[in-house]
Amino acid sequence: MKVGMLRKKNKPTKIARATALACQLYGIEFFYFRPKDVDVENKVIRGSFPAKNGWNIKETSYPDVIDNSLPTKETQELYNELEKHCYFTTRRLGTKDKIYKLMKKDGGFDDLLIPHTNLKSIRHINDYIEKYEHIILKPSKGSQGNSIYQLCKENGLYKLDTNKSSQLLSEEEIKRMIADQFKKRKYLIQPFISSRMKEGHPFDIRIHVRRAQNGEWKIVTYLPRIGVGNAITSNVNQGGGISQVDPFLQHVFGDDFERVKASLVEVATYFPERLQKHFDFEIDAIGIDIGIDQSGKLWFFEVNTSPGPKFYETEIGEAKAQHYEYIIKNKLKSGKVEKVALG
């Protein structure tokens, strides 16, 4: 059994090391490689194999399974070629708008969904401000908390806030932003959900779930992510922090924390399999981002195809190794590799 982890970074990452160590327990040969390490003509890869004091580089044949990052325009052709011979673990689920429509059509997520519409004109902004007062504008495609705006009206002007700035704009200036910036990149409009601590810091809960032993879903963690000050989002990459879930919920919700925790567990339990029904390929992992308002009600913010492993490399590495074993023994035992478009 052989698995290759395909990433763009030049050196193997912490999650690569953790996964390599876990693979040894399951009799899986593991190596790390980059797109430029593949020799398509000779069907060999210059891989980095785990060693006692680091990594040893050597040529190897194509693996059974490739644990891949998502393809880019530059790597799509290579991915298409490798896919003819290897099973890829990770597929693109689609934009925020596409996922929202799937969840809306399903009907089983209604209690979590925040109303939204596509931003096409000033009329959409005015309608949502009139109905909800405070709204959020965010890219349809993932942005790691970047390029998100909070908008409301103040003394006849539009108050536009980002994580770093605040400004008052006229209707004409907002129209120009729609024509210039928001037309180049599709944006969604949503009512602003106040998911904040008593101290005013924004937060969300990242529920990290992935397939593990026997291909079944495993809840890796419930990770509270806390923003700083008046930031709109709680993205850790922009200077926020994290906490353990139980003491965090106790601090924010007091005696009500057990009910809130039970709601999170319920979402983590039903969400992955319900979402899976809408795809004809196996989803290997998702990060479900949940906001919680002051009443303790849960709101769906977004779902991520490739949730980051930071802080939980050991747990994720073992889950990955378990999933590789399942794929090789159950999906590839007939010698047939599933063919599903990666783009």
C-alpha atoms as a PDB file:
ATOM      1  CA  MET A   1       0.000   0.000   0.000  1.00  0.00           C
ATOM      2  CA  LYS A   2       1.528   3.297  -1.066  1.00  0.00           C
ATOM      3  CA  VAL A   3       0.249   6.862  -0.574  1.00  0.00           C
ATOM      4  CA  GLY A   4       1.679  10.152  -1.795  1.00  0.00           C
ATOM      5  CA  MET A   5       0.793  13.547  -0.316  1.00  0.00           C
ATOM      6  CA  LEU A   6       0.736  16.157  -3.078  1.00  0.00           C
ATOM      7  CA  ARG A   7       1.242  19.768  -1.972  1.00  0.00           C
ATOM      8  CA  LYS A   8       2.864  22.920  -3.351  1.00  0.00           C
ATOM      9  CA  LYS A   9       5.158  23.676  -0.393  1.00  0.00           C
ATOM     10  CA  ASN A  10       8.803  22.820  -1.000  1.00  0.00           C
ATOM     11  CA  LYS A  11       9.350  21.083   2.331  1.00  0.00           C
ATOM     12  CA  PRO A  12       7.077  18.457   3.901  1.00  0.00           C
ATOM     13  CA  THR A  13       4.756  20.046   6.442  1.00  0.00           C
ATOM     14  CA  LYS A  14       3.905  19.091  10.031  1.00  0.00           C
ATOM     15  CA  ILE A  15       0.800  17.267   8.854  1.00  0.00           C
ATOM     16  CA  ALA A  16       2.942  15.307   6.376  1.00  0.00           C
ATOM     17  CA  ARG A  17       5.225  14.173   9.222  1.00  0.00           C
ATOM     18  CA  ALA A  18       2.307  13.277  11.477  1.00  0.00           C
ATOM     19  CA  THR A  19       0.607  11.359   8.673  1.00  0.00           C
ATOM     20  CA  ALA A  20       3.827   9.536   7.765  1.00  0.00           C
ATOM     21  CA  LEU A  21       4.253   8.334  11.349  1.00  0.00           C
ATOM     22  CA  ALA A  22       0.628   7.179  11.529  1.00  0.00           C
ATOM     23  CA  CYS A  23       0.962   5.334   8.209  1.00  0.00           C
ATOM     24  CA  GLN A  24       3.707   3.161   9.690  1.00  0.00           C
ATOM     25  CA  LEU A  25       1.120   1.724  12.094  1.00  0.00           C
ATOM     26  CA  TYR A  26      -1.070   0.643   9.192  1.00  0.00           C
ATOM     27  CA  GLY A  27       1.606  -0.817   6.930  1.00  0.00           C
ATOM     28  CA  ILE A  28       1.348   2.029   4.432  1.00  0.00           C
ATOM     29  CA  GLU A  29       4.364   3.404   2.573  1.00  0.00           C
ATOM     30  CA  PHE A  30       4.036   7.197   2.617  1.00  0.00           C
ATOM     31  CA  PHE A  31       5.890   9.957   0.780  1.00  0.00           C
ATOM     32  CA  TYR A  32       5.540  13.682   0.109  1.00  0.00           C
ATOM     33  CA  PHE A  33       5.856  15.307  -3.315  1.00  0.00           C
ATOM     34  CA  ARG A  34       5.212  18.474  -5.299  1.00  0.00           C
ATOM     35  CA  PRO A  35       3.832  18.930  -8.832  1.00  0.00           C
ATOM     36  CA  LYS A  36       7.343  19.585 -10.161  1.00  0.00           C
ATOM     37  CA  ASP A  37       8.523  16.237  -8.758  1.00  0.00           C
ATOM     38  CA  VAL A  38       6.420  14.222 -11.215  1.00  0.00           C
ATOM     39  CA  ASP A  39       7.977  12.754 -14.360  1.00  0.00           C
ATOM     40  CA  VAL A  40       4.856  12.039 -16.413  1.00  0.00           C
ATOM     41  CA  GLU A  41       6.750  10.547 -19.353  1.00  0.00           C
ATOM     42  CA  ASN A  42       8.397   7.834 -17.241  1.00  0.00           C
ATOM     43  CA  LYS A  43       5.593   7.650 -14.671  1.00  0.00           C
ATOM     44  CA  VAL A  44       7.878   8.160 -11.691  1.00  0.00           C
ATOM     45  CA  ILE A  45       7.903  10.662  -8.832  1.00  0.00           C
ATOM     46  CA  ARG A  46      10.841  12.150  -6.949  1.00  0.00           C
ATOM     47  CA  GLY A  47       9.351  11.772  -3.483  1.00  0.00           C
ATOM     48  CA  SER A  48      10.402  12.674   0.038  1.00  0.00           C
ATOM     49  CA  PHE A  49      10.204   9.593   2.285  1.00  0.00           C
ATOM     50  CA  PRO A  50      10.218   9.841   6.092  1.00  0.00           C
ATOM     51  CA  ALA A  51      13.505   8.987   7.773  1.00  0.00           C
ATOM     52  CA  LYS A  52      14.809   9.030  11.332  1.00  0.00           C
ATOM     53  CA  ASN A  53      16.344  12.478  11.070  1.00  0.00           C
ATOM     54  CA  GLY A  54      14.146  14.036   8.392  1.00  0.00           C
ATOM     55  CA  TRP A  55      13.288  13.011   4.848  1.00  0.00           C
ATOM     56  CA  ASN A  56      15.101  11.008   2.175  1.00  0.00           C
ATOM     57  CA  ILE A  57      14.521  11.822  -1.484  1.00  0.00           C
ATOM     58  CA  LYS A  58      14.223   8.957  -3.963  1.00  0.00           C
ATOM     59  CA  GLU A  59      12.383   8.027  -7.130  1.00  0.00           C
ATOM     60  CA  THR A  60       9.277   5.911  -6.830  1.00  0.00           C
ATOM     61  CA  SER A  61       6.407   4.651  -8.956  1.00  0.00           C
ATOM     62  CA  TYR A  62       2.959   6.214  -8.820  1.00  0.00           C
ATOM     63  CA  PRO A  63       1.140   5.535  -5.515  1.00  0.00           C
ATOM     64  CA  ASP A  64      -2.236   3.855  -5.042  1.00  0.00           C
ATOM     65  CA  VAL A  65      -3.665   6.981  -3.394  1.00  0.00           C
ATOM     66  CA  ILE A  66      -2.786  10.662  -3.688  1.00  0.00           C
ATOM     67  CA  ASP A  67      -3.743  12.910  -0.775  1.00  0.00           C
ATOM     68  CA  ASN A  68      -4.033  16.070  -2.820  1.00  0.00           C
ATOM     69  CA  SER A  69      -4.526  19.766  -2.421  1.00  0.00           C
ATOM     70  CA  LEU A  70      -7.022  21.176  -4.912  1.00  0.00           C
ATOM     71  CA  PRO A  71      -5.741  21.780  -8.455  1.00  0.00           C
ATOM     72  CA  THR A  72      -4.974  25.192  -9.920  1.00  0.00           C
ATOM     73  CA  LYS A  73      -4.962  26.231 -13.569  1.00  0.00           C
ATOM     74  CA  GLU A  74      -1.232  25.496 -13.638  1.00  0.00           C
ATOM     75  CA  THR A  75      -1.556  21.995 -12.182  1.00  0.00           C
ATOM     76  CA  GLN A  76      -4.874  20.844 -13.684  1.00  0.00           C
ATOM     77  CA  GLU A  77      -3.254  19.040 -16.634  1.00  0.00           C
ATOM     78  CA  LEU A  78      -0.886  17.153 -14.322  1.00  0.00           C
ATOM     79  CA  TYR A  79      -3.757  16.198 -12.012  1.00  0.00           C
ATOM     80  CA  ASN A  80      -5.749  14.882 -14.955  1.00  0.00           C
ATOM     81  CA  GLU A  81      -2.823  12.662 -15.951  1.00  0.00           C
ATOM     82  CA  LEU A  82      -2.204  11.346 -12.432  1.00  0.00           C
ATOM     83  CA  GLU A  83      -5.891  10.702 -11.955  1.00  0.00           C
ATOM     84  CA  LYS A  84      -5.755   8.040 -14.663  1.00  0.00           C
ATOM     85  CA  HIS A  85      -3.569   5.932 -12.368  1.00  0.00           C
ATOM     86  CA  CYS A  86      -4.261   7.038  -8.789  1.00  0.00           C
ATOM     87  CA  TYR A  87      -7.173   7.622  -6.430  1.00  0.00           C
ATOM     88  CA  PHE A  88      -7.435  11.286  -5.371  1.00  0.00           C
ATOM     89  CA  THR A  89      -8.795  11.948  -1.890  1.00  0.00           C
ATOM     90  CA  THR A  90      -9.971  15.545  -2.196  1.00  0.00           C
ATOM     91  CA  ARG A  91     -12.505  17.092  -4.578  1.00  0.00           C
ATOM     92  CA  ARG A  92     -13.818  20.607  -4.978  1.00  0.00           C
ATOM     93  CA  LEU A  93     -17.309  21.024  -3.524  1.00  0.00           C
ATOM     94  CA  GLY A  94     -18.098  24.359  -5.168  1.00  0.00           C
ATOM     95  CA  THR A  95     -18.669  27.977  -4.220  1.00  0.00           C
ATOM     96  CA  LYS A  96     -20.460  29.241  -1.111  1.00  0.00           C
ATOM     97  CA  ASP A  97     -23.465  30.003  -3.314  1.00  0.00           C
ATOM     98  CA  LYS A  98     -23.559  26.468  -4.728  1.00  0.00           C
ATOM     99  CA  ILE A  99     -23.315  24.866  -1.272  1.00  0.00           C
ATOM    100  CA  TYR A 100     -26.036  27.161   0.061  1.00  0.00           C
ATOM    101  CA  LYS A 101     -28.362  26.199  -2.792  1.00  0.00           C
ATOM    102  CA  LEU A 102     -27.709  22.495  -2.187  1.00  0.00           C
ATOM    103  CA  MET A 103     -28.486  22.907   1.499  1.00  0.00           C
ATOM    104  CA  LYS A 104     -31.592  24.971   0.762  1.00  0.00           C
ATOM    105  CA  LYS A 105     -32.872  22.389  -1.708  1.00  0.00           C
ATOM    106  CA  ASP A 106     -32.194  19.586   0.772  1.00  0.00           C
ATOM    107  CA  GLY A 107     -34.490  21.108   3.385  1.00  0.00           C
ATOM    108  CA  GLY A 108     -32.720  19.450   6.301  1.00  0.00           C
ATOM    109  CA  PHE A 109     -30.450  22.416   6.988  1.00  0.00           C
ATOM    110  CA  ASP A 110     -33.137  25.121   7.142  1.00  0.00           C
ATOM    111  CA  ASP A 111     -32.687  25.861  10.825  1.00  0.00           C
ATOM    112  CA  LEU A 112     -29.004  26.710  10.242  1.00  0.00           C
ATOM    113  CA  LEU A 113     -29.188  28.743   7.037  1.00  0.00           C
ATOM    114  CA  ILE A 114     -28.726  32.504   6.952  1.00  0.00           C
ATOM    115  CA  PRO A 115     -30.769  34.170   4.166  1.00  0.00           C
ATOM    116  CA  HIS A 116     -28.638  35.434   1.288  1.00  0.00           C
ATOM    117  CA  THR A 117     -28.772  36.753  -2.247  1.00  0.00           C
ATOM    118  CA  ASN A 118     -26.217  37.527  -4.944  1.00  0.00           C
ATOM    119  CA  LEU A 119     -25.025  41.129  -5.008  1.00  0.00           C
ATOM    120  CA  LYS A 120     -25.909  42.615  -8.377  1.00  0.00           C
ATOM    121  CA  SER A 121     -27.119  46.146  -7.676  1.00  0.00           C
ATOM    122  CA  ILE A 122     -27.619  48.795  -4.993  1.00  0.00           C
ATOM    123  CA  ARG A 123     -31.241  47.634  -4.774  1.00  0.00           C
ATOM    124  CA  HIS A 124     -30.161  44.326  -3.240  1.00  0.00           C
ATOM    125  CA  ILE A 125     -28.110  46.167  -0.606  1.00  0.00           C
ATOM    126  CA  ASN A 126     -30.932  48.581   0.231  1.00  0.00           C
ATOM    127  CA  ASP A 127     -33.508  45.780   0.469  1.00  0.00           C
ATOM    128  CA  TYR A 128     -31.352  43.801   2.897  1.00  0.00           C
ATOM    129  CA  ILE A 129     -30.454  46.849   5.012  1.00  0.00           C
ATOM    130  CA  GLU A 130     -34.137  47.785   5.245  1.00  0.00           C
ATOM    131  CA  LYS A 131     -35.018  44.264   6.392  1.00  0.00           C
ATOM    132  CA  TYR A 132     -32.027  43.416   8.619  1.00  0.00           C
ATOM    133  CA  GLU A 133     -30.292  46.786   9.351  1.00  0.00           C
ATOM    134  CA  HIS A 134     -26.773  45.279   9.468  1.00  0.00           C
ATOM    135  CA  ILE A 135     -25.570  43.142   6.553  1.00  0.00           C
ATOM    136  CA  ILE A 136     -22.444  41.299   5.403  1.00  0.00           C
ATOM    137  CA  LEU A 137     -20.946  41.319   1.906  1.00  0.00           C
ATOM    138  CA  LYS A 138     -18.602  38.407   1.239  1.00  0.00           C
ATOM    139  CA  PRO A 139     -17.041  36.668  -1.775  1.00  0.00           C
ATOM    140  CA  SER A 140     -18.902  33.703  -3.213  1.00  0.00           C
ATOM    141  CA  LYS A 141     -15.602  31.785  -3.287  1.00  0.00           C
ATOM    142  CA  GLY A 142     -13.485  31.165  -0.177  1.00  0.00           C
ATOM    143  CA  SER A 143     -11.316  33.992   1.134  1.00  0.00           C
ATOM    144  CA  GLN A 144     -10.028  32.917   4.598  1.00  0.00           C
ATOM    145  CA  GLY A 145     -11.863  35.862   6.118  1.00  0.00           C
ATOM    146  CA  ASN A 146     -10.481  38.360   3.586  1.00  0.00           C
ATOM    147  CA  SER A 147     -12.508  40.859   1.531  1.00  0.00           C
ATOM    148  CA  ILE A 148     -15.525  40.692   3.856  1.00  0.00           C
ATOM    149  CA  TYR A 149     -17.503  43.855   4.553  1.00  0.00           C
ATOM    150  CA  GLN A 150     -20.090  44.838   7.153  1.00  0.00           C
ATOM    151  CA  LEU A 151     -22.584  47.455   6.001  1.00  0.00           C
ATOM    152  CA  CYS A 152     -25.338  49.521   7.587  1.00  0.00           C
ATOM    153  CA  LYS A 153     -26.825  53.017   7.197  1.00  0.00           C
ATOM    154  CA  GLU A 154     -25.815  55.897   9.421  1.00  0.00           C
ATOM    155  CA  ASN A 155     -27.239  59.426   9.006  1.00  0.00           C
ATOM    156  CA  GLY A 156     -28.167  58.775   5.380  1.00  0.00           C
ATOM    157  CA  LEU A 157     -24.741  57.387   4.488  1.00  0.00           C
ATOM    158  CA  TYR A 158     -23.467  53.823   4.187  1.00  0.00           C
ATOM    159  CA  LYS A 159     -21.105  52.755   6.970  1.00  0.00           C
ATOM    160  CA  LEU A 160     -18.700  50.221   5.466  1.00  0.00           C
ATOM    161  CA  ASP A 161     -16.491  48.272   7.885  1.00  0.00           C
ATOM    162  CA  THR A 162     -13.703  45.769   7.285  1.00  0.00           C
ATOM    163  CA  ASN A 163     -11.444  44.034   9.806  1.00  0.00           C
ATOM    164  CA  LYS A 164      -9.038  46.965   9.436  1.00  0.00           C
ATOM    165  CA  SER A 165     -11.035  50.088   8.577  1.00  0.00           C
ATOM    166  CA  SER A 166     -14.339  51.941   8.726  1.00  0.00           C
ATOM    167  CA  GLN A 167     -15.657  54.590   6.354  1.00  0.00           C
ATOM    168  CA  LEU A 168     -18.839  56.460   5.468  1.00  0.00           C
ATOM    169  CA  LEU A 169     -19.818  56.372   1.792  1.00  0.00           C
ATOM    170  CA  SER A 170     -22.541  57.951  -0.299  1.00  0.00           C
ATOM    171  CA  GLU A 171     -24.910  55.881  -2.425  1.00  0.00           C
ATOM    172  CA  GLU A 172     -22.967  56.891  -5.537  1.00  0.00           C
ATOM    173  CA  GLU A 173     -19.730  55.655  -3.980  1.00  0.00           C
ATOM    174  CA  ILE A 174     -21.359  52.328  -3.111  1.00  0.00           C
ATOM    175  CA  LYS A 175     -22.620  52.049  -6.688  1.00  0.00           C
ATOM    176  CA  ARG A 176     -19.069  52.589  -7.951  1.00  0.00           C
ATOM    177  CA  MET A 177     -17.796  49.835  -5.637  1.00  0.00           C
ATOM    178  CA  ILE A 178     -20.427  47.470  -7.027  1.00  0.00           C
ATOM    179  CA  ALA A 179     -19.462  48.353 -10.599  1.00  0.00           C
ATOM    180  CA  ASP A 180     -15.711  48.157  -9.988  1.00  0.00           C
ATOM    181  CA  GLN A 181     -14.840  45.732  -7.216  1.00  0.00           C
ATOM    182  CA  PHE A 182     -17.913  43.571  -6.693  1.00  0.00           C
ATOM    183  CA  LYS A 183     -18.475  42.844 -10.373  1.00  0.00           C
ATOM    184  CA  LYS A 184     -14.936  41.447 -10.775  1.00  0.00           C
ATOM    185  CA  ARG A 185     -15.562  38.953  -7.983  1.00  0.00           C
ATOM    186  CA  LYS A 186     -19.015  37.554  -7.209  1.00  0.00           C
ATOM    187  CA  TYR A 187     -20.316  38.624  -3.815  1.00  0.00           C
ATOM    188  CA  LEU A 188     -23.138  37.459  -1.563  1.00  0.00           C
ATOM    189  CA  ILE A 189     -25.282  39.570   0.774  1.00  0.00           C
ATOM    190  CA  GLN A 190     -26.347  38.196   4.162  1.00  0.00           C
ATOM    191  CA  PRO A 191     -27.801  39.671   7.352  1.00  0.00           C
ATOM    192  CA  PHE A 192     -25.084  40.203   9.952  1.00  0.00           C
ATOM    193  CA  ILE A 193     -25.196  37.521  12.656  1.00  0.00           C
ATOM    194  CA  SER A 194     -23.743  38.764  15.928  1.00  0.00           C
ATOM    195  CA  SER A 195     -21.629  35.819  17.070  1.00  0.00           C
ATOM    196  CA  ARG A 196     -19.649  37.601  19.759  1.00  0.00           C
ATOM    197  CA  MET A 197     -18.267  37.057  23.242  1.00  0.00           C
ATOM    198  CA  LYS A 198     -19.291  39.193  26.219  1.00  0.00           C
ATOM    199  CA  GLU A 199     -16.116  41.208  25.617  1.00  0.00           C
ATOM    200  CA  GLY A 200     -17.249  42.001  22.066  1.00  0.00           C
ATOM    201  CA  HIS A 201     -14.783  39.747  20.231  1.00  0.00           C
ATOM    202  CA  PRO A 202     -16.246  37.875  17.231  1.00  0.00           C
ATOM    203  CA  PHE A 203     -16.032  34.095  17.234  1.00  0.00           C
ATOM    204  CA  ASP A 204     -17.101  31.021  15.360  1.00  0.00           C
ATOM    205  CA  ILE A 205     -16.770  27.293  15.960  1.00  0.00           C
ATOM    206  CA  ARG A 206     -14.871  25.246  13.378  1.00  0.00           C
ATOM    207  CA  ILE A 207     -16.207  21.681  13.410  1.00  0.00           C
ATOM    208  CA  HIS A 208     -13.521  19.577  11.745  1.00  0.00           C
ATOM    209  CA  VAL A 209     -14.822  16.216  10.527  1.00  0.00           C
ATOM    210  CA  ARG A 210     -13.113  13.706   8.245  1.00  0.00           C
ATOM    211  CA  ARG A 211     -13.361  10.121   7.160  1.00  0.00           C
ATOM    212  CA  ALA A 212     -11.239   7.710   9.163  1.00  0.00           C
ATOM    213  CA  GLN A 213     -11.511   4.022  10.090  1.00  0.00           C
ATOM    214  CA  ASN A 214     -13.762   2.003   7.750  1.00  0.00           C
ATOM    215  CA  GLY A 215     -14.463   5.205   5.838  1.00  0.00           C
ATOM    216  CA  GLU A 216     -16.725   6.482   8.608  1.00  0.00           C
ATOM    217  CA  TRP A 217     -16.901  10.108   9.707  1.00  0.00           C
ATOM    218  CA  LYS A 218     -14.843  11.139  12.707  1.00  0.00           C
ATOM    219  CA  ILE A 219     -15.219  14.412  14.599  1.00  0.00           C
ATOM    220  CA  VAL A 220     -11.649  15.657  15.014  1.00  0.00           C
ATOM    221  CA  THR A 221     -12.431  18.793  16.992  1.00  0.00           C
ATOM    222  CA  TYR A 222     -14.798  21.608  17.858  1.00  0.00           C
ATOM    223  CA  LEU A 223     -12.450  24.604  17.676  1.00  0.00           C
ATOM    224  CA  PRO A 224     -13.576  28.042  18.921  1.00  0.00           C
ATOM    225  CA  ARG A 225     -11.817  30.719  16.855  1.00  0.00           C
ATOM    226  CA  ILE A 226     -11.783  34.198  18.326  1.00  0.00           C
ATOM    227  CA  GLY A 227     -11.274  37.486  16.506  1.00  0.00           C
ATOM    228  CA  VAL A 228      -9.739  40.610  17.978  1.00  0.00           C
ATOM    229  CA  GLY A 229     -11.578  43.777  18.983  1.00  0.00           C
ATOM    230  CA  ASN A 230     -14.080  45.014  16.418  1.00  0.00           C
ATOM    231  CA  ALA A 231     -12.996  42.629  13.675  1.00  0.00           C
ATOM    232  CA  ILE A 232     -15.815  41.254  11.507  1.00  0.00           C
ATOM    233  CA  THR A 233     -14.471  37.724  11.281  1.00  0.00           C
ATOM    234  CA  SER A 234     -12.691  35.388  13.683  1.00  0.00           C
ATOM    235  CA  ASN A 235     -10.043  34.192  11.228  1.00  0.00           C
ATOM    236  CA  VAL A 236      -6.986  32.965  13.137  1.00  0.00           C
ATOM    237  CA  ASN A 237      -4.700  33.901  10.227  1.00  0.00           C
ATOM    238  CA  GLN A 238      -5.580  37.554  10.832  1.00  0.00           C
ATOM    239  CA  GLY A 239      -4.448  37.682  14.442  1.00  0.00           C
ATOM    240  CA  GLY A 240      -7.219  35.856  16.283  1.00  0.00           C
ATOM    241  CA  GLY A 241      -6.904  33.110  18.862  1.00  0.00           C
ATOM    242  CA  ILE A 242      -8.341  29.709  19.731  1.00  0.00           C
ATOM    243  CA  SER A 243      -9.736  28.019  22.820  1.00  0.00           C
ATOM    244  CA  GLN A 244     -10.901  24.656  24.102  1.00  0.00           C
ATOM    245  CA  VAL A 245     -14.588  24.275  23.407  1.00  0.00           C
ATOM    246  CA  ASP A 246     -16.056  23.450  26.837  1.00  0.00           C
ATOM    247  CA  PRO A 247     -14.479  26.287  28.877  1.00  0.00           C
ATOM    248  CA  PHE A 248     -15.145  28.670  25.992  1.00  0.00           C
ATOM    249  CA  LEU A 249     -18.857  27.828  25.820  1.00  0.00           C
ATOM    250  CA  GLN A 250     -19.102  28.007  29.613  1.00  0.00           C
ATOM    251  CA  HIS A 251     -17.595  31.493  29.526  1.00  0.00           C
ATOM    252  CA  VAL A 252     -19.889  32.769  26.764  1.00  0.00           C
ATOM    253  CA  PHE A 253     -23.160  31.013  27.617  1.00  0.00           C
ATOM    254  CA  GLY A 254     -22.877  30.229  31.316  1.00  0.00           C
ATOM    255  CA  ASP A 255     -25.355  27.643  32.576  1.00  0.00           C
ATOM    256  CA  ASP A 256     -26.708  27.254  29.023  1.00  0.00           C
ATOM    257  CA  PHE A 257     -23.438  25.909  27.642  1.00  0.00           C
ATOM    258  CA  GLU A 258     -24.495  22.239  27.726  1.00  0.00           C
ATOM    259  CA  ARG A 259     -27.499  22.933  25.485  1.00  0.00           C
ATOM    260  CA  VAL A 260     -25.296  24.846  23.036  1.00  0.00           C
ATOM    261  CA  LYS A 261     -22.684  22.061  23.056  1.00  0.00           C
ATOM    262  CA  ALA A 262     -25.394  19.472  22.392  1.00  0.00           C
ATOM    263  CA  SER A 263     -26.527  21.501  19.373  1.00  0.00           C
ATOM    264  CA  LEU A 264     -22.957  21.528  18.024  1.00  0.00           C
ATOM    265  CA  VAL A 265     -22.665  17.770  18.476  1.00  0.00           C
ATOM    266  CA  GLU A 266     -25.958  17.298  16.634  1.00  0.00           C
ATOM    267  CA  VAL A 267     -24.739  19.369  13.666  1.00  0.00           C
ATOM    268  CA  ALA A 268     -21.402  17.529  13.566  1.00  0.00           C
ATOM    269  CA  THR A 269     -23.262  14.216  13.529  1.00  0.00           C
ATOM    270  CA  TYR A 270     -25.813  14.787  10.758  1.00  0.00           C
ATOM    271  CA  PHE A 271     -24.200  17.469   8.584  1.00  0.00           C
ATOM    272  CA  PRO A 272     -21.439  15.498   6.774  1.00  0.00           C
ATOM    273  CA  GLU A 273     -23.583  12.572   5.660  1.00  0.00           C
ATOM    274  CA  ARG A 274     -26.459  14.809   4.651  1.00  0.00           C
ATOM    275  CA  LEU A 275     -24.119  16.942   2.530  1.00  0.00           C
ATOM    276  CA  GLN A 276     -22.503  13.813   1.066  1.00  0.00           C
ATOM    277  CA  LYS A 277     -25.827  12.777  -0.513  1.00  0.00           C
ATOM    278  CA  HIS A 278     -25.520  15.673  -2.972  1.00  0.00           C
ATOM    279  CA  PHE A 279     -22.182  14.522  -4.449  1.00  0.00           C
ATOM    280  CA  ASP A 280     -21.303  11.514  -6.584  1.00  0.00           C
ATOM    281  CA  PHE A 281     -17.797  11.256  -5.101  1.00  0.00           C
ATOM    282  CA  GLU A 282     -16.691  10.562  -1.554  1.00  0.00           C
ATOM    283  CA  ILE A 283     -15.999  13.711   0.469  1.00  0.00           C
ATOM    284  CA  ASP A 284     -12.941  13.041   2.626  1.00  0.00           C
ATOM    285  CA  ALA A 285     -13.064  15.993   5.033  1.00  0.00           C
ATOM    286  CA  ILE A 286     -14.918  19.229   5.713  1.00  0.00           C
ATOM    287  CA  GLY A 287     -14.621  22.161   8.066  1.00  0.00           C
ATOM    288  CA  ILE A 288     -18.052  23.432   9.135  1.00  0.00           C
ATOM    289  CA  ASP A 289     -17.952  27.008  10.419  1.00  0.00           C
ATOM    290  CA  ILE A 290     -20.771  27.812  12.827  1.00  0.00           C
ATOM    291  CA  GLY A 291     -21.708  31.138  14.431  1.00  0.00           C
ATOM    292  CA  ILE A 292     -23.759  31.292  17.635  1.00  0.00           C
ATOM    293  CA  ASP A 293     -25.873  34.305  18.523  1.00  0.00           C
ATOM    294  CA  GLN A 294     -26.560  35.591  22.051  1.00  0.00           C
ATOM    295  CA  SER A 295     -29.594  33.327  22.443  1.00  0.00           C
ATOM    296  CA  GLY A 296     -27.436  30.259  21.739  1.00  0.00           C
ATOM    297  CA  LYS A 297     -28.887  29.653  18.281  1.00  0.00           C
ATOM    298  CA  LEU A 298     -26.495  28.111  15.747  1.00  0.00           C
ATOM    299  CA  TRP A 299     -26.002  29.647  12.291  1.00  0.00           C
ATOM    300  CA  PHE A 300     -24.143  28.152   9.341  1.00  0.00           C
ATOM    301  CA  PHE A 301     -21.363  30.433   8.062  1.00  0.00           C
ATOM    302  CA  GLU A 302     -19.628  28.209   5.494  1.00  0.00           C
ATOM    303  CA  VAL A 303     -18.123  24.824   4.753  1.00  0.00           C
ATOM    304  CA  ASN A 304     -14.508  24.271   3.662  1.00  0.00           C
ATOM    305  CA  THR A 305     -13.306  21.424   1.455  1.00  0.00           C
ATOM    306  CA  SER A 306      -9.788  21.296   2.905  1.00  0.00           C
ATOM    307  CA  PRO A 307      -9.941  22.286   6.585  1.00  0.00           C
ATOM    308  CA  GLY A 308      -6.517  23.216   7.903  1.00  0.00           C
ATOM    309  CA  PRO A 309      -4.738  20.750  10.209  1.00  0.00           C
ATOM    310  CA  LYS A 310      -3.167  23.376  12.472  1.00  0.00           C
ATOM    311  CA  PHE A 311      -3.260  22.482  16.187  1.00  0.00           C
ATOM    312  CA  TYR A 312      -4.511  18.907  15.521  1.00  0.00           C
ATOM    313  CA  GLU A 313      -1.851  17.355  13.278  1.00  0.00           C
ATOM    314  CA  THR A 314      -1.554  14.120  15.292  1.00  0.00           C
ATOM    315  CA  GLU A 315      -5.295  13.376  15.361  1.00  0.00           C
ATOM    316  CA  ILE A 316      -5.712  14.259  11.688  1.00  0.00           C
ATOM    317  CA  GLY A 317      -2.644  12.250  10.652  1.00  0.00           C
ATOM    318  CA  GLU A 318      -4.044   9.088  12.223  1.00  0.00           C
ATOM    319  CA  ALA A 319      -7.494   9.660  10.695  1.00  0.00           C
ATOM    320  CA  LYS A 320      -5.860  10.101   7.281  1.00  0.00           C
ATOM    321  CA  ALA A 321      -3.908   6.845   7.631  1.00  0.00           C
ATOM    322  CA  GLN A 322      -7.085   4.993   8.608  1.00  0.00           C
ATOM    323  CA  HIS A 323      -8.892   6.414   5.595  1.00  0.00           C
ATOM    324  CA  TYR A 324      -6.052   5.499   3.204  1.00  0.00           C
ATOM    325  CA  GLU A 325      -6.224   1.907   4.436  1.00  0.00           C
ATOM    326  CA  TYR A 326      -9.977   1.845   3.861  1.00  0.00           C
ATOM    327  CA  ILE A 327      -9.645   3.278   0.338  1.00  0.00           C
ATOM    328  CA  ILE A 328      -6.976   0.796  -0.723  1.00  0.00           C
ATOM    329  CA  LYS A 329      -8.667  -2.271   0.762  1.00  0.00           C
ATOM    330  CA  ASN A 330     -12.236  -1.427  -0.248  1.00  0.00           C
ATOM    331  CA  LYS A 331     -12.275   0.975  -3.192  1.00  0.00           C
ATOM    332  CA  LEU A 332      -9.186  -0.193  -5.059  1.00  0.00           C
ATOM    333  CA  LYS A 333      -9.216  -3.938  -4.369  1.00  0.00           C
ATOM    334  CA  SER A 334     -10.934  -4.555  -7.732  1.00  0.00           C
ATOM    335  CA  GLY A 335      -8.133  -2.669  -9.485  1.00  0.00           C
ATOM    336  CA  LYS A 336     -10.500   0.076 -10.583  1.00  0.00           C
ATOM    337  CA  VAL A 337      -9.888   3.677  -9.626  1.00  0.00           C
ATOM    338  CA  GLU A 338     -12.883   5.983  -9.278  1.00  0.00           C
ATOM    339  CA  LYS A 339     -12.882   8.624 -12.027  1.00  0.00           C
ATOM    340  CA  VAL A 340     -14.378  11.889 -10.871  1.00  0.00           C
ATOM    341  CA  ALA A 341     -13.511  15.297 -12.335  1.00  0.00           C
ATOM    342  CA  LEU A 342     -11.255  17.280 -10.002  1.00  0.00           C
ATOM    343  CA  GLY A 343     -11.876  20.693 -11.518  1.00  0.00           C
END
